[in-house]
C-alpha atoms as a PDB file:
ATOM      1  CA  MET A   1     -89.957  71.557 -48.080  1.00  0.00           C
ATOM      2  CA  ILE A   2     -86.754  71.705 -50.078  1.00  0.00           C
ATOM      3  CA  ARG A   3     -83.321  72.374 -48.614  1.00  0.00           C
ATOM      4  CA  ILE A   4     -80.632  74.088 -50.698  1.00  0.00           C
ATOM      5  CA  ASP A   5     -77.018  74.243 -49.496  1.00  0.00           C
ATOM      6  CA  ILE A   6     -74.511  76.555 -51.192  1.00  0.00           C
ATOM      7  CA  ALA A   7     -70.785  75.836 -50.797  1.00  0.00           C
ATOM      8  CA  THR A   8     -68.911  79.057 -51.526  1.00  0.00           C
ATOM      9  CA  LEU A   9     -65.975  81.285 -50.644  1.00  0.00           C
ATOM     10  CA  PHE A  10     -68.315  84.280 -50.357  1.00  0.00           C
ATOM     11  CA  THR A  11     -71.100  83.457 -47.939  1.00  0.00           C
ATOM     12  CA  ASN A  12     -71.961  87.093 -47.257  1.00  0.00           C
ATOM     13  CA  MET A  13     -72.524  87.722 -50.942  1.00  0.00           C
ATOM     14  CA  CYS A  14     -75.027  84.849 -51.142  1.00  0.00           C
ATOM     15  CA  GLU A  15     -76.733  85.506 -47.819  1.00  0.00           C
ATOM     16  CA  ASN A  16     -77.325  89.168 -48.619  1.00  0.00           C
ATOM     17  CA  VAL A  17     -79.313  88.132 -51.684  1.00  0.00           C
ATOM     18  CA  ILE A  18     -81.337  85.219 -50.326  1.00  0.00           C
ATOM     19  CA  LYS A  19     -82.464  87.272 -47.347  1.00  0.00           C
ATOM     20  CA  GLU A  20     -84.201  89.791 -49.617  1.00  0.00           C
ATOM     21  CA  SER A  21     -87.575  89.971 -51.367  1.00  0.00           C
ATOM     22  CA  ILE A  22     -89.855  86.952 -51.904  1.00  0.00           C
ATOM     23  CA  ILE A  23     -87.196  84.315 -51.247  1.00  0.00           C
ATOM     24  CA  GLY A  24     -86.156  85.958 -47.981  1.00  0.00           C
ATOM     25  CA  ARG A  25     -89.770  86.057 -46.798  1.00  0.00           C
ATOM     26  CA  ALA A  26     -90.257  82.429 -47.816  1.00  0.00           C
ATOM     27  CA  ILE A  27     -87.238  81.381 -45.742  1.00  0.00           C
ATOM     28  CA  LYS A  28     -88.571  83.256 -42.703  1.00  0.00           C
ATOM     29  CA  ALA A  29     -91.999  81.662 -43.189  1.00  0.00           C
ATOM     30  CA  GLY A  30     -90.449  78.187 -43.290  1.00  0.00           C
ATOM     31  CA  HIS A  31     -91.409  77.322 -46.885  1.00  0.00           C
ATOM     32  CA  ILE A  32     -87.796  76.685 -47.939  1.00  0.00           C
ATOM     33  CA  GLU A  33     -84.360  76.311 -46.373  1.00  0.00           C
ATOM     34  CA  ILE A  34     -81.208  77.809 -47.902  1.00  0.00           C
ATOM     35  CA  TYR A  35     -77.850  77.602 -46.120  1.00  0.00           C
ATOM     36  CA  CYS A  36     -74.485  79.041 -47.130  1.00  0.00           C
ATOM     37  CA  HIS A  37     -71.241  77.272 -46.164  1.00  0.00           C
ATOM     38  CA  ASP A  38     -67.751  78.785 -46.278  1.00  0.00           C
ATOM     39  CA  ILE A  39     -65.377  76.391 -48.045  1.00  0.00           C
ATOM     40  CA  ARG A  40     -62.447  78.258 -46.503  1.00  0.00           C
ATOM     41  CA  ASN A  41     -63.431  76.926 -43.065  1.00  0.00           C
ATOM     42  CA  TYR A  42     -62.404  73.455 -44.216  1.00  0.00           C
ATOM     43  CA  THR A  43     -58.898  74.175 -45.450  1.00  0.00           C
ATOM     44  CA  GLU A  44     -55.947  72.510 -43.714  1.00  0.00           C
ATOM     45  CA  ASP A  45     -53.635  75.374 -44.671  1.00  0.00           C
ATOM     46  CA  LYS A  46     -52.706  77.636 -41.733  1.00  0.00           C
ATOM     47  CA  HIS A  47     -53.063  80.674 -43.989  1.00  0.00           C
ATOM     48  CA  ARG A  48     -56.595  79.538 -44.977  1.00  0.00           C
ATOM     49  CA  ARG A  49     -55.598  79.113 -48.598  1.00  0.00           C
ATOM     50  CA  VAL A  50     -57.973  77.077 -50.740  1.00  0.00           C
ATOM     51  CA  ASP A  51     -56.233  77.385 -54.118  1.00  0.00           C
ATOM     52  CA  ASP A  52     -52.929  76.671 -55.825  1.00  0.00           C
ATOM     53  CA  LYS A  53     -51.180  76.925 -59.189  1.00  0.00           C
ATOM     54  CA  PRO A  54     -52.475  74.602 -61.943  1.00  0.00           C
ATOM     55  CA  TYR A  55     -50.422  71.618 -63.043  1.00  0.00           C
ATOM     56  CA  GLY A  56     -49.320  72.016 -66.633  1.00  0.00           C
ATOM     57  CA  GLY A  57     -48.872  75.735 -66.325  1.00  0.00           C
ATOM     58  CA  GLY A  58     -51.217  78.547 -67.214  1.00  0.00           C
ATOM     59  CA  THR A  59     -52.503  81.698 -65.597  1.00  0.00           C
ATOM     60  CA  GLY A  60     -54.672  81.933 -62.511  1.00  0.00           C
ATOM     61  CA  MET A  61     -55.252  79.580 -59.618  1.00  0.00           C
ATOM     62  CA  VAL A  62     -57.321  76.417 -59.174  1.00  0.00           C
ATOM     63  CA  MET A  63     -59.426  75.603 -56.102  1.00  0.00           C
ATOM     64  CA  GLN A  64     -58.086  72.578 -54.258  1.00  0.00           C
ATOM     65  CA  ALA A  65     -60.030  69.347 -53.868  1.00  0.00           C
ATOM     66  CA  GLN A  66     -59.607  68.792 -50.122  1.00  0.00           C
ATOM     67  CA  PRO A  67     -61.445  71.860 -48.745  1.00  0.00           C
ATOM     68  CA  ILE A  68     -64.302  71.395 -51.202  1.00  0.00           C
ATOM     69  CA  TYR A  69     -64.641  67.689 -50.457  1.00  0.00           C
ATOM     70  CA  ASP A  70     -64.584  68.127 -46.690  1.00  0.00           C
ATOM     71  CA  CYS A  71     -67.093  70.972 -46.865  1.00  0.00           C
ATOM     72  CA  ILE A  72     -69.598  69.018 -48.929  1.00  0.00           C
ATOM     73  CA  CYS A  73     -69.147  65.863 -46.851  1.00  0.00           C
ATOM     74  CA  ASP A  74     -69.976  67.921 -43.782  1.00  0.00           C
ATOM     75  CA  ILE A  75     -73.067  69.347 -45.492  1.00  0.00           C
ATOM     76  CA  LYS A  76     -74.245  65.833 -46.334  1.00  0.00           C
ATOM     77  CA  LYS A  77     -74.078  64.877 -42.665  1.00  0.00           C
ATOM     78  CA  GLN A  78     -76.808  67.463 -42.114  1.00  0.00           C
ATOM     79  CA  ALA A  79     -78.740  67.357 -45.379  1.00  0.00           C
ATOM     80  CA  GLY A  80     -78.420  63.687 -46.307  1.00  0.00           C
ATOM     81  CA  ASP A  81     -76.984  62.108 -49.431  1.00  0.00           C
ATOM     82  CA  VAL A  82     -78.333  64.742 -51.830  1.00  0.00           C
ATOM     83  CA  PRO A  83     -76.957  65.448 -55.329  1.00  0.00           C
ATOM     84  CA  VAL A  84     -74.243  68.027 -55.959  1.00  0.00           C
ATOM     85  CA  PHE A  85     -74.386  70.589 -58.766  1.00  0.00           C
ATOM     86  CA  TYR A  86     -71.372  72.601 -59.891  1.00  0.00           C
ATOM     87  CA  MET A  87     -72.055  75.945 -61.559  1.00  0.00           C
ATOM     88  CA  SER A  88     -69.839  75.964 -64.632  1.00  0.00           C
ATOM     89  CA  PRO A  89     -69.870  77.407 -68.184  1.00  0.00           C
ATOM     90  CA  LYS A  90     -69.014  73.867 -69.317  1.00  0.00           C
ATOM     91  CA  GLY A  91     -72.294  72.505 -67.949  1.00  0.00           C
ATOM     92  CA  ARG A  92     -75.603  71.884 -69.652  1.00  0.00           C
ATOM     93  CA  PRO A  93     -77.679  75.062 -70.010  1.00  0.00           C
ATOM     94  CA  LEU A  94     -80.230  75.622 -67.260  1.00  0.00           C
ATOM     95  CA  THR A  95     -83.807  75.392 -68.548  1.00  0.00           C
ATOM     96  CA  GLN A  96     -87.206  75.664 -66.907  1.00  0.00           C
ATOM     97  CA  ASP A  97     -87.656  71.906 -67.338  1.00  0.00           C
ATOM     98  CA  LYS A  98     -84.446  71.360 -65.364  1.00  0.00           C
ATOM     99  CA  VAL A  99     -85.640  73.829 -62.719  1.00  0.00           C
ATOM    100  CA  LYS A 100     -88.911  71.899 -62.334  1.00  0.00           C
ATOM    101  CA  GLN A 101     -86.942  68.666 -62.004  1.00  0.00           C
ATOM    102  CA  LEU A 102     -84.736  70.084 -59.247  1.00  0.00           C
ATOM    103  CA  ALA A 103     -87.729  71.666 -57.517  1.00  0.00           C
ATOM    104  CA  SER A 104     -89.158  68.185 -56.946  1.00  0.00           C
ATOM    105  CA  LEU A 105     -86.077  67.034 -55.015  1.00  0.00           C
ATOM    106  CA  PRO A 106     -85.941  67.095 -51.197  1.00  0.00           C
ATOM    107  CA  GLY A 107     -82.698  69.034 -51.458  1.00  0.00           C
ATOM    108  CA  PHE A 108     -79.377  69.497 -53.239  1.00  0.00           C
ATOM    109  CA  ILE A 109     -75.970  71.142 -52.867  1.00  0.00           C
ATOM    110  CA  ILE A 110     -74.590  73.860 -55.152  1.00  0.00           C
ATOM    111  CA  LEU A 111     -70.819  74.188 -55.458  1.00  0.00           C
ATOM    112  CA  CYS A 112     -69.529  77.624 -56.447  1.00  0.00           C
ATOM    113  CA  GLY A 113     -66.195  77.622 -58.208  1.00  0.00           C
ATOM    114  CA  HIS A 114     -63.827  80.567 -58.394  1.00  0.00           C
ATOM    115  CA  TYR A 115     -60.535  81.626 -59.969  1.00  0.00           C
ATOM    116  CA  GLU A 116     -59.816  79.227 -62.883  1.00  0.00           C
ATOM    117  CA  GLY A 117     -62.192  76.579 -61.567  1.00  0.00           C
ATOM    118  CA  VAL A 118     -61.805  73.579 -59.283  1.00  0.00           C
ATOM    119  CA  ASP A 119     -59.681  70.440 -59.265  1.00  0.00           C
ATOM    120  CA  GLU A 120     -61.428  68.014 -61.622  1.00  0.00           C
ATOM    121  CA  ARG A 121     -60.861  65.104 -59.240  1.00  0.00           C
ATOM    122  CA  VAL A 122     -63.237  66.449 -56.610  1.00  0.00           C
ATOM    123  CA  LEU A 123     -65.995  66.817 -59.192  1.00  0.00           C
ATOM    124  CA  GLU A 124     -65.499  63.191 -60.162  1.00  0.00           C
ATOM    125  CA  GLU A 125     -65.390  62.045 -56.522  1.00  0.00           C
ATOM    126  CA  LEU A 126     -68.609  63.895 -55.699  1.00  0.00           C
ATOM    127  CA  CYS A 127     -70.332  62.855 -58.958  1.00  0.00           C
ATOM    128  CA  ALA A 128     -71.145  66.545 -59.418  1.00  0.00           C
ATOM    129  CA  GLU A 129     -73.377  67.511 -62.328  1.00  0.00           C
ATOM    130  CA  GLU A 130     -72.307  70.717 -64.068  1.00  0.00           C
ATOM    131  CA  ILE A 131     -74.933  73.374 -64.834  1.00  0.00           C
ATOM    132  CA  SER A 132     -74.485  76.564 -66.853  1.00  0.00           C
ATOM    133  CA  ILE A 133     -76.706  79.637 -66.854  1.00  0.00           C
ATOM    134  CA  GLY A 134     -75.361  80.779 -70.224  1.00  0.00           C
ATOM    135  CA  ASP A 135     -72.526  80.704 -72.702  1.00  0.00           C
ATOM    136  CA  TYR A 136     -70.360  83.264 -70.964  1.00  0.00           C
ATOM    137  CA  VAL A 137     -67.857  83.325 -68.098  1.00  0.00           C
ATOM    138  CA  LEU A 138     -68.267  85.039 -64.703  1.00  0.00           C
ATOM    139  CA  THR A 139     -65.708  85.598 -61.967  1.00  0.00           C
ATOM    140  CA  GLY A 140     -67.302  82.970 -59.746  1.00  0.00           C
ATOM    141  CA  GLY A 141     -70.206  80.583 -59.303  1.00  0.00           C
ATOM    142  CA  GLU A 142     -72.061  82.649 -56.703  1.00  0.00           C
ATOM    143  CA  LEU A 143     -74.300  84.584 -59.099  1.00  0.00           C
ATOM    144  CA  PRO A 144     -75.248  81.420 -61.047  1.00  0.00           C
ATOM    145  CA  ALA A 145     -75.903  79.613 -57.741  1.00  0.00           C
ATOM    146  CA  LEU A 146     -78.257  82.406 -56.686  1.00  0.00           C
ATOM    147  CA  VAL A 147     -80.015  82.269 -60.048  1.00  0.00           C
ATOM    148  CA  LEU A 148     -80.551  78.521 -59.678  1.00  0.00           C
ATOM    149  CA  SER A 149     -81.683  78.846 -56.051  1.00  0.00           C
ATOM    150  CA  ASP A 150     -84.175  81.580 -56.896  1.00  0.00           C
ATOM    151  CA  ALA A 151     -85.625  79.674 -59.858  1.00  0.00           C
ATOM    152  CA  VAL A 152     -86.102  76.505 -57.787  1.00  0.00           C
ATOM    153  CA  ALA A 153     -87.281  78.206 -54.601  1.00  0.00           C
ATOM    154  CA  ARG A 154     -90.104  80.139 -56.253  1.00  0.00           C
ATOM    155  CA  LEU A 155     -91.712  76.865 -57.399  1.00  0.00           C
ATOM    156  CA  GLN A 156     -92.039  75.605 -53.829  1.00  0.00           C
ATOM    157  CA  GLN A 157     -95.474  75.567 -52.242  1.00  0.00           C
ATOM    158  CA  GLY A 158     -96.168  78.710 -50.261  1.00  0.00           C
ATOM    159  CA  VAL A 159     -93.392  80.812 -51.793  1.00  0.00           C
ATOM    160  CA  LEU A 160     -95.704  82.485 -54.328  1.00  0.00           C
ATOM    161  CA  PRO A 161     -99.408  83.186 -53.701  1.00  0.00           C
ATOM    162  CA  ASN A 162    -100.591  80.320 -55.922  1.00  0.00           C
ATOM    163  CA  GLU A 163     -99.496  78.089 -58.790  1.00  0.00           C
ATOM    164  CA  GLU A 164    -100.901  80.511 -61.374  1.00  0.00           C
ATOM    165  CA  ALA A 165     -98.291  83.061 -60.275  1.00  0.00           C
ATOM    166  CA  TYR A 166     -95.606  81.023 -62.059  1.00  0.00           C
ATOM    167  CA  SER A 167     -97.487  78.641 -64.375  1.00  0.00           C
ATOM    168  CA  ILE A 168     -98.309  81.430 -66.872  1.00  0.00           C
ATOM    169  CA  GLU A 169     -94.792  82.844 -66.946  1.00  0.00           C
ATOM    170  CA  SER A 170     -92.306  82.561 -69.782  1.00  0.00           C
ATOM    171  CA  HIS A 171     -90.882  79.052 -70.359  1.00  0.00           C
ATOM    172  CA  TYR A 172     -93.030  77.267 -67.749  1.00  0.00           C
ATOM    173  CA  ASN A 173     -95.497  75.889 -70.312  1.00  0.00           C
ATOM    174  CA  GLY A 174     -93.222  76.085 -73.335  1.00  0.00           C
ATOM    175  CA  LEU A 175     -94.109  79.615 -74.476  1.00  0.00           C
ATOM    176  CA  LEU A 176     -93.006  83.126 -73.657  1.00  0.00           C
ATOM    177  CA  GLU A 177     -95.412  85.107 -71.504  1.00  0.00           C
ATOM    178  CA  HIS A 178     -97.962  87.472 -73.013  1.00  0.00           C
ATOM    179  CA  PRO A 179     -97.409  91.272 -72.609  1.00  0.00           C
ATOM    180  CA  GLN A 180     -98.371  92.818 -69.256  1.00  0.00           C
ATOM    181  CA  TYR A 181     -99.896  96.257 -68.549  1.00  0.00           C
ATOM    182  CA  THR A 182    -100.808  98.327 -65.490  1.00  0.00           C
ATOM    183  CA  ARG A 183    -102.061 101.825 -64.650  1.00  0.00           C
ATOM    184  CA  PRO A 184    -102.286 104.426 -66.091  1.00  0.00           C
ATOM    185  CA  GLU A 185    -104.671 103.342 -68.830  1.00  0.00           C
ATOM    186  CA  VAL A 186    -102.940 105.663 -71.304  1.00  0.00           C
ATOM    187  CA  TRP A 187     -99.219 106.440 -71.110  1.00  0.00           C
ATOM    188  CA  ARG A 188     -97.456 108.704 -73.627  1.00  0.00           C
ATOM    189  CA  GLU A 189    -100.450 108.279 -75.959  1.00  0.00           C
ATOM    190  CA  ARG A 190    -100.116 104.497 -75.734  1.00  0.00           C
ATOM    191  CA  PRO A 191    -103.363 102.930 -74.464  1.00  0.00           C
ATOM    192  CA  VAL A 192    -103.741  99.568 -72.772  1.00  0.00           C
ATOM    193  CA  PRO A 193    -105.244  97.037 -75.261  1.00  0.00           C
ATOM    194  CA  GLU A 194    -109.034  97.383 -75.130  1.00  0.00           C
ATOM    195  CA  VAL A 195    -109.577  93.664 -74.636  1.00  0.00           C
ATOM    196  CA  LEU A 196    -107.974  93.876 -71.189  1.00  0.00           C
ATOM    197  CA  LEU A 197    -110.569  96.451 -70.124  1.00  0.00           C
ATOM    198  CA  THR A 198    -113.620  94.359 -71.073  1.00  0.00           C
ATOM    199  CA  GLY A 199    -113.740  92.302 -67.897  1.00  0.00           C
ATOM    200  CA  ASP A 200    -114.578  89.227 -70.005  1.00  0.00           C
ATOM    201  CA  HIS A 201    -112.144  86.638 -68.653  1.00  0.00           C
ATOM    202  CA  SER A 202    -112.692  84.127 -71.468  1.00  0.00           C
ATOM    203  CA  VAL A 203    -111.947  86.756 -74.127  1.00  0.00           C
ATOM    204  CA  ILE A 204    -108.931  88.013 -72.185  1.00  0.00           C
ATOM    205  CA  GLU A 205    -107.562  84.488 -71.750  1.00  0.00           C
ATOM    206  CA  LYS A 206    -107.908  83.842 -75.491  1.00  0.00           C
ATOM    207  CA  TRP A 207    -106.103  87.113 -76.255  1.00  0.00           C
ATOM    208  CA  GLN A 208    -103.317  86.262 -73.822  1.00  0.00           C
ATOM    209  CA  GLN A 209    -102.807  82.846 -75.414  1.00  0.00           C
ATOM    210  CA  GLU A 210    -102.674  84.404 -78.894  1.00  0.00           C
ATOM    211  CA  GLN A 211    -100.190  86.994 -77.679  1.00  0.00           C
ATOM    212  CA  ALA A 212     -98.018  84.310 -76.065  1.00  0.00           C
ATOM    213  CA  LEU A 213     -97.859  82.488 -79.398  1.00  0.00           C
ATOM    214  CA  SER A 214     -97.092  85.702 -81.272  1.00  0.00           C
ATOM    215  CA  VAL A 215     -94.364  86.820 -78.842  1.00  0.00           C
ATOM    216  CA  THR A 216     -92.775  83.363 -78.887  1.00  0.00           C
ATOM    217  CA  ALA A 217     -92.824  83.186 -82.675  1.00  0.00           C
ATOM    218  CA  ARG A 218     -91.265  86.618 -83.004  1.00  0.00           C
ATOM    219  CA  LYS A 219     -88.589  86.292 -80.314  1.00  0.00           C
ATOM    220  CA  ARG A 220     -87.996  82.530 -79.981  1.00  0.00           C
ATOM    221  CA  PRO A 221     -89.298  80.625 -83.028  1.00  0.00           C
ATOM    222  CA  ASP A 222     -87.359  77.577 -81.857  1.00  0.00           C
ATOM    223  CA  MET A 223     -89.547  77.447 -78.735  1.00  0.00           C
ATOM    224  CA  LEU A 224     -92.713  77.730 -80.827  1.00  0.00           C
ATOM    225  CA  TYR A 225     -91.613  74.794 -82.940  1.00  0.00           C
ATOM    226  CA  LYS A 226     -91.020  72.645 -79.873  1.00  0.00           C
ATOM    227  CA  TYR A 227     -94.295  73.725 -78.262  1.00  0.00           C
ATOM    228  CA  LEU A 228     -96.421  73.027 -81.327  1.00  0.00           C
ATOM    229  CA  SER A 229     -94.584  69.796 -82.092  1.00  0.00           C
ATOM    230  CA  GLU A 230     -95.752  68.483 -78.733  1.00  0.00           C
ATOM    231  CA  GLN A 231     -99.406  69.194 -79.589  1.00  0.00           C
ATOM    232  CA  ARG A 232    -100.845  66.079 -81.222  1.00  0.00           C
ATOM    233  CA  GLU A 233    -102.982  67.951 -83.745  1.00  0.00           C
ATOM    234  CA  PHE A 234     -99.932  69.718 -85.199  1.00  0.00           C
ATOM    235  CA  ASP A 235     -97.604  66.781 -85.662  1.00  0.00           C
ATOM    236  CA  GLU A 236     -97.595  66.274 -89.428  1.00  0.00           C
ATOM    237  CA  TYR A 237     -96.205  68.982 -91.710  1.00  0.00           C
ATOM    238  CA  VAL A 238     -94.621  72.428 -91.435  1.00  0.00           C
ATOM    239  CA  CYS A 239     -93.884  75.235 -93.882  1.00  0.00           C
ATOM    240  CA  TYR A 240     -91.731  78.356 -93.453  1.00  0.00           C
ATOM    241  CA  LYS A 241     -93.249  81.283 -95.340  1.00  0.00           C
ATOM    242  CA  ALA A 242     -91.778  84.780 -95.835  1.00  0.00           C
ATOM    243  CA  TYR A 243     -93.166  88.044 -97.237  1.00  0.00           C
ATOM    244  CA  TYR A 244     -91.109  90.676 -99.031  1.00  0.00           C
ATOM    245  CA  LYS A 245     -92.416  93.661-101.013  1.00  0.00           C
ATOM    246  CA  GLY A 246     -95.689  92.000-101.907  1.00  0.00           C
ATOM    247  CA  LYS A 247     -94.142  88.652-102.766  1.00  0.00           C
ATOM    248  CA  THR A 248     -94.457  85.352-100.926  1.00  0.00           C
ATOM    249  CA  ALA A 249     -91.744  82.705-100.830  1.00  0.00           C
ATOM    250  CA  ASP A 250     -90.242  79.923 -98.803  1.00  0.00           C
ATOM    251  CA  VAL A 251     -87.937  81.426 -96.148  1.00  0.00           C
ATOM    252  CA  ALA A 252     -84.850  79.722 -97.606  1.00  0.00           C
ATOM    253  CA  ILE A 253     -85.740  80.795-101.158  1.00  0.00           C
ATOM    254  CA  LEU A 254     -86.281  84.401-100.105  1.00  0.00           C
ATOM    255  CA  CYS A 255     -83.111  84.566 -98.022  1.00  0.00           C
ATOM    256  CA  HIS A 256     -81.104  83.169-100.923  1.00  0.00           C
ATOM    257  CA  SER A 257     -82.641  85.566-103.463  1.00  0.00           C
ATOM    258  CA  LEU A 258     -81.827  88.558-101.245  1.00  0.00           C
ATOM    259  CA  LEU A 259     -78.123  87.787-101.579  1.00  0.00           C
ATOM    260  CA  ARG A 260     -78.214  89.773-104.834  1.00  0.00           C
ATOM    261  CA  LYS A 261     -79.761  92.809-103.156  1.00  0.00           C
ATOM    262  CA  ARG A 262     -76.936  93.448-100.660  1.00  0.00           C
ATOM    263  CA  VAL A 263     -79.251  93.675 -97.649  1.00  0.00           C
ATOM    264  CA  TYR A 264     -77.111  91.490 -95.368  1.00  0.00           C
ATOM    265  CA  THR A 265     -74.036  92.164 -93.315  1.00  0.00           C
ATOM    266  CA  ASN A 266     -70.898  90.299 -94.411  1.00  0.00           C
ATOM    267  CA  ARG A 267     -71.415  87.741 -91.638  1.00  0.00           C
ATOM    268  CA  GLU A 268     -75.088  87.256 -92.504  1.00  0.00           C
ATOM    269  CA  GLU A 269     -74.240  86.818 -96.177  1.00  0.00           C
ATOM    270  CA  LYS A 270     -71.821  83.989 -95.390  1.00  0.00           C
ATOM    271  CA  ASP A 271     -74.377  82.336 -93.080  1.00  0.00           C
ATOM    272  CA  VAL A 272     -77.198  82.592 -95.639  1.00  0.00           C
ATOM    273  CA  LYS A 273     -75.067  81.058 -98.395  1.00  0.00           C
ATOM    274  CA  LYS A 274     -74.005  78.169 -96.189  1.00  0.00           C
ATOM    275  CA  ILE A 275     -77.441  77.476 -94.674  1.00  0.00           C
ATOM    276  CA  THR A 276     -79.481  77.712 -97.886  1.00  0.00           C
ATOM    277  CA  ASP A 277     -77.055  75.414 -99.688  1.00  0.00           C
ATOM    278  CA  MET A 278     -77.569  72.811 -96.947  1.00  0.00           C
ATOM    279  CA  ILE A 279     -81.361  73.216 -97.066  1.00  0.00           C
ATOM    280  CA  PHE A 280     -81.536  72.893-100.860  1.00  0.00           C
ATOM    281  CA  LYS A 281     -79.311  69.821-100.784  1.00  0.00           C
ATOM    282  CA  THR A 282     -81.159  68.142 -97.891  1.00  0.00           C
ATOM    283  CA  ALA A 283     -84.648  68.977 -99.166  1.00  0.00           C
ATOM    284  CA  GLY A 284     -83.725  67.801-102.633  1.00  0.00           C
ATOM    285  CA  PHE A 285     -85.003  70.774-104.623  1.00  0.00           C
ATOM    286  CA  VAL A 286     -83.501  73.449-106.817  1.00  0.00           C
ATOM    287  CA  GLN A 287     -84.507  76.917-105.690  1.00  0.00           C
ATOM    288  CA  SER A 288     -85.384  78.141-109.194  1.00  0.00           C
ATOM    289  CA  ASP A 289     -87.832  75.263-109.675  1.00  0.00           C
ATOM    290  CA  ILE A 290     -90.003  76.003-106.647  1.00  0.00           C
ATOM    291  CA  LYS A 291     -93.551  76.937-107.617  1.00  0.00           C
ATOM    292  CA  ILE A 292     -95.329  75.803-104.443  1.00  0.00           C
ATOM    293  CA  LEU A 293     -94.072  76.398-100.922  1.00  0.00           C
ATOM    294  CA  PRO A 294     -92.551  73.151 -99.625  1.00  0.00           C
ATOM    295  CA  PHE A 295     -94.028  71.493 -96.550  1.00  0.00           C
ATOM    296  CA  TYR A 296     -91.611  69.383 -94.567  1.00  0.00           C
ATOM    297  CA  SER A 297     -92.705  66.127 -92.990  1.00  0.00           C
ATOM    298  CA  LYS A 298     -92.249  65.329 -89.329  1.00  0.00           C
ATOM    299  CA  ASN A 299     -89.016  63.462 -90.045  1.00  0.00           C
ATOM    300  CA  GLN A 300     -87.626  66.084 -92.416  1.00  0.00           C
ATOM    301  CA  ARG A 301     -88.306  69.069 -90.216  1.00  0.00           C
ATOM    302  CA  GLY A 302     -86.154  67.669 -87.456  1.00  0.00           C
ATOM    303  CA  ILE A 303     -83.231  67.972 -89.850  1.00  0.00           C
ATOM    304  CA  VAL A 304     -83.929  71.384 -91.365  1.00  0.00           C
ATOM    305  CA  PHE A 305     -85.593  73.345 -88.577  1.00  0.00           C
ATOM    306  CA  GLU A 306     -82.396  74.608 -86.944  1.00  0.00           C
ATOM    307  CA  TRP A 307     -81.317  75.947 -90.303  1.00  0.00           C
ATOM    308  CA  TYR A 308     -84.632  77.692 -90.878  1.00  0.00           C
ATOM    309  CA  ASN A 309     -84.527  79.049 -87.352  1.00  0.00           C
ATOM    310  CA  ALA A 310     -81.168  80.693 -88.114  1.00  0.00           C
ATOM    311  CA  LEU A 311     -82.598  82.224 -91.296  1.00  0.00           C
ATOM    312  CA  ILE A 312     -85.657  83.506 -89.423  1.00  0.00           C
ATOM    313  CA  LYS A 313     -83.403  85.353 -86.991  1.00  0.00           C
ATOM    314  CA  ILE A 314     -81.737  87.064 -89.951  1.00  0.00           C
ATOM    315  CA  LEU A 315     -85.156  88.047 -91.330  1.00  0.00           C
ATOM    316  CA  GLN A 316     -86.010  89.534 -87.957  1.00  0.00           C
ATOM    317  CA  ASN A 317     -82.862  91.667 -88.095  1.00  0.00           C
ATOM    318  CA  HIS A 318     -84.184  93.237 -91.303  1.00  0.00           C
ATOM    319  CA  ASP A 319     -87.876  93.503 -90.263  1.00  0.00           C
ATOM    320  CA  ILE A 320     -89.012  91.034 -92.912  1.00  0.00           C
ATOM    321  CA  ASN A 321     -92.319  89.311 -92.130  1.00  0.00           C
ATOM    322  CA  TYR A 322     -92.639  85.551 -91.964  1.00  0.00           C
ATOM    323  CA  GLU A 323     -94.931  82.867 -90.606  1.00  0.00           C
ATOM    324  CA  ILE A 324     -94.670  79.227 -89.610  1.00  0.00           C
ATOM    325  CA  ILE A 325     -97.561  77.106 -90.908  1.00  0.00           C
ATOM    326  CA  TYR A 326     -98.454  73.715 -89.453  1.00  0.00           C
ATOM    327  CA  LYS A 327    -100.707  71.249 -91.257  1.00  0.00           C
ATOM    328  CA  ASN A 328    -102.203  67.901 -90.425  1.00  0.00           C
ATOM    329  CA  GLY A 329    -103.199  65.149 -92.826  1.00  0.00           C
ATOM    330  CA  LEU A 330    -101.700  66.453 -96.075  1.00  0.00           C
ATOM    331  CA  ASN A 331    -102.585  64.118 -98.964  1.00  0.00           C
ATOM    332  CA  LYS A 332    -100.458  63.414-102.004  1.00  0.00           C
ATOM    333  CA  GLY A 333    -101.096  65.950-104.739  1.00  0.00           C
ATOM    334  CA  GLU A 334    -102.850  68.284-102.317  1.00  0.00           C
ATOM    335  CA  ASN A 335    -101.433  71.781-102.680  1.00  0.00           C
ATOM    336  CA  GLU A 336    -103.886  73.987-100.835  1.00  0.00           C
ATOM    337  CA  GLN A 337    -102.960  75.144 -97.365  1.00  0.00           C
ATOM    338  CA  LYS A 338    -105.186  74.006 -94.539  1.00  0.00           C
ATOM    339  CA  ASP A 339    -105.079  73.999 -90.775  1.00  0.00           C
ATOM    340  CA  VAL A 340    -103.073  77.230 -90.745  1.00  0.00           C
ATOM    341  CA  ILE A 341    -102.646  77.748 -87.043  1.00  0.00           C
ATOM    342  CA  PHE A 342    -100.431  80.779 -86.977  1.00  0.00           C
ATOM    343  CA  GLU A 343    -101.081  84.213 -88.380  1.00  0.00           C
ATOM    344  CA  GLN A 344     -98.597  86.466 -90.127  1.00  0.00           C
ATOM    345  CA  ILE A 345     -96.062  87.844 -87.700  1.00  0.00           C
ATOM    346  CA  PRO A 346     -95.631  91.615 -87.912  1.00  0.00           C
END
């Protein structure tokens, strides 16, 4: 059973959330432990202040080191020498892989900052690892701490009915989850896909896997690339193919050619010019000379994929179809496509 301790200035805010829904029931059932600790209880100031003006000037206030340090030291007397995580927009982004890593720990402490942050010295003293839930700024670390606690807690044994309840969800296995449906069978003239009504579990499972690939390719092509790259049979070559008004072209070629058609926003136009120039230079080809769609090798695609991913997002903005094709065992002089493992994305 994992133990999570949250050091915060707003214990009521955290406790009101963790007492609700699945996590609240899991705490009552003894599957997890989550405790909230008021940093203000550890201040040595008679007015219970825990912050002060920043050295060097600037607006806002900074949380002082002493109350934070004493609070976390006291927590460690109860929880043991567990790691400390500080919720901060400067931290590494939280991913499902990181959640699974933390879920395997016996416990950890989450520090919630507030105001303009905390004194850097206490983070260094506590060897705190910074974690971010996104590239934006909130008024405090409580909401991110609750996000992290919820994500970790739901992976604990007994919290959800069984492992399948979370193992098929988005991100857990590297893909986004397939679409879900419930009653009524027809809503606003939109029927549930017929395959889900067949009762054939093998057919349904195949459909769900295909849908997961399709959803991931459409919404997060970067995730699809990573997922397929980790499958041994798809570790050789990749091609980025686009469709526009009956024509087929490499994604970079198409995006570049559309510059003359004024389909982009001003920002997109600048991005397309910059990205396609880098791709043409790195790939070593001149766009006007391309007769056959280029396949990038395993080494090359690591360099160009982020660029293609950015172009794909622009294509999505304009409802232009594309597909990512993976091939294995391409021989020199061999131009035909084989081992196409992904269909055209609508």
